[in-house]
Protein backbone atom coordinates (compact mmCIF):
# COMPACT_ATOMS: atom_id res chain seq x y z
CA MET A 1 209.45 167.76 158.95
CA ARG A 2 210.03 164.08 160.21
CA LEU A 3 207.17 162.17 161.83
CA ASN A 4 207.21 160.40 164.99
CA ARG A 5 205.72 157.25 164.23
CA PRO A 6 205.34 154.25 167.13
CA ILE A 7 207.64 151.30 167.06
CA MET A 8 204.99 149.12 166.76
CA ILE A 9 204.53 150.16 162.77
CA SER A 10 207.98 149.52 162.31
CA ILE A 11 207.50 145.99 163.93
CA LEU A 12 204.62 145.08 161.93
CA ARG A 13 206.03 146.08 158.79
CA LEU A 14 209.03 143.53 159.27
CA ALA A 15 206.64 140.88 160.42
CA GLY A 16 204.35 141.19 157.36
CA GLY A 17 207.51 141.39 154.92
CA LEU A 18 208.88 138.20 156.47
CA ALA A 19 205.80 136.26 156.50
CA CYS A 20 205.33 137.25 152.74
CA ALA A 21 209.24 136.25 152.11
CA ALA A 22 208.31 132.89 154.01
CA GLY A 23 205.27 132.20 152.03
CA ALA A 24 207.31 132.75 148.61
CA GLY A 25 210.02 130.98 149.94
CA LEU A 26 207.35 127.78 150.75
CA LEU A 27 206.00 128.11 147.20
CA VAL A 28 209.59 127.68 145.60
CA ILE A 29 209.79 124.78 148.12
CA ALA A 30 206.69 123.21 146.84
CA PHE A 31 207.79 123.02 143.48
CA TRP A 32 210.58 120.39 144.61
CA ALA A 33 208.58 118.51 147.08
CA GLU A 34 206.01 116.18 144.90
CA GLU A 35 204.90 114.43 148.24
CA LEU A 36 204.08 117.67 150.03
CA ARG A 37 203.15 120.10 147.44
CA ALA A 38 199.39 120.84 148.83
CA LEU A 39 200.64 121.29 152.40
CA LEU A 40 203.40 123.71 151.40
CA ILE A 41 201.10 125.43 148.88
CA LEU A 42 198.35 125.92 151.72
CA SER A 43 201.08 126.89 154.13
CA ALA A 44 202.29 129.42 151.89
CA ALA A 45 198.82 131.01 151.32
CA ALA A 46 198.33 131.41 155.09
CA ALA A 47 201.86 132.67 155.25
CA GLY A 48 200.94 135.13 152.39
CA ALA A 49 197.76 136.10 153.68
CA VAL A 50 199.03 136.63 157.43
CA GLY A 51 201.98 138.80 156.03
CA LEU A 52 199.43 140.84 153.92
CA THR A 53 197.44 141.24 156.87
CA PHE A 54 200.22 142.92 158.79
CA LEU A 55 201.22 145.10 156.10
CA GLY A 56 197.79 146.21 155.67
CA PHE A 57 197.37 146.95 159.42
CA ALA A 58 200.57 148.72 159.38
CA THR A 59 199.40 151.31 156.75
CA ASN A 60 196.37 151.86 158.92
CA LEU A 61 198.15 152.68 161.62
CA VAL A 62 200.53 155.11 159.82
CA ILE A 63 197.36 156.69 158.37
CA LEU A 64 195.54 156.86 161.83
CA ASN A 65 198.91 158.31 163.26
CA ASP A 66 199.23 161.08 160.81
CA ILE A 67 195.60 162.14 161.35
CA ARG A 68 196.21 162.17 165.13
CA SER A 69 199.39 164.25 164.25
CA HIS A 70 197.69 166.55 161.99
CA LEU A 71 194.99 167.24 164.52
CA GLN A 72 197.29 167.90 167.38
CA SER A 73 199.08 170.53 165.60
CA ARG A 74 195.96 172.16 164.23
CA ASP A 75 194.72 172.14 168.03
CA ASP A 76 198.16 173.85 169.24
CA LYS A 77 197.89 176.73 166.72
């Protein structure tokens, strides 16, 4: 059975993954940029936090959507 999920979930997953990837990239760059190391590490931490927040929110939406679908199918019987 294929569940129909809102497109917003896919968008949040993509945004979360991209933000985490950007954070990882900033951490890698921080190893070579001596003069900007603190700023880059702070930016990487912020990007990682935003990415994980988006991924967590998308996971919550998946759970809520599955619960809603289950309740609707139960009401239809």
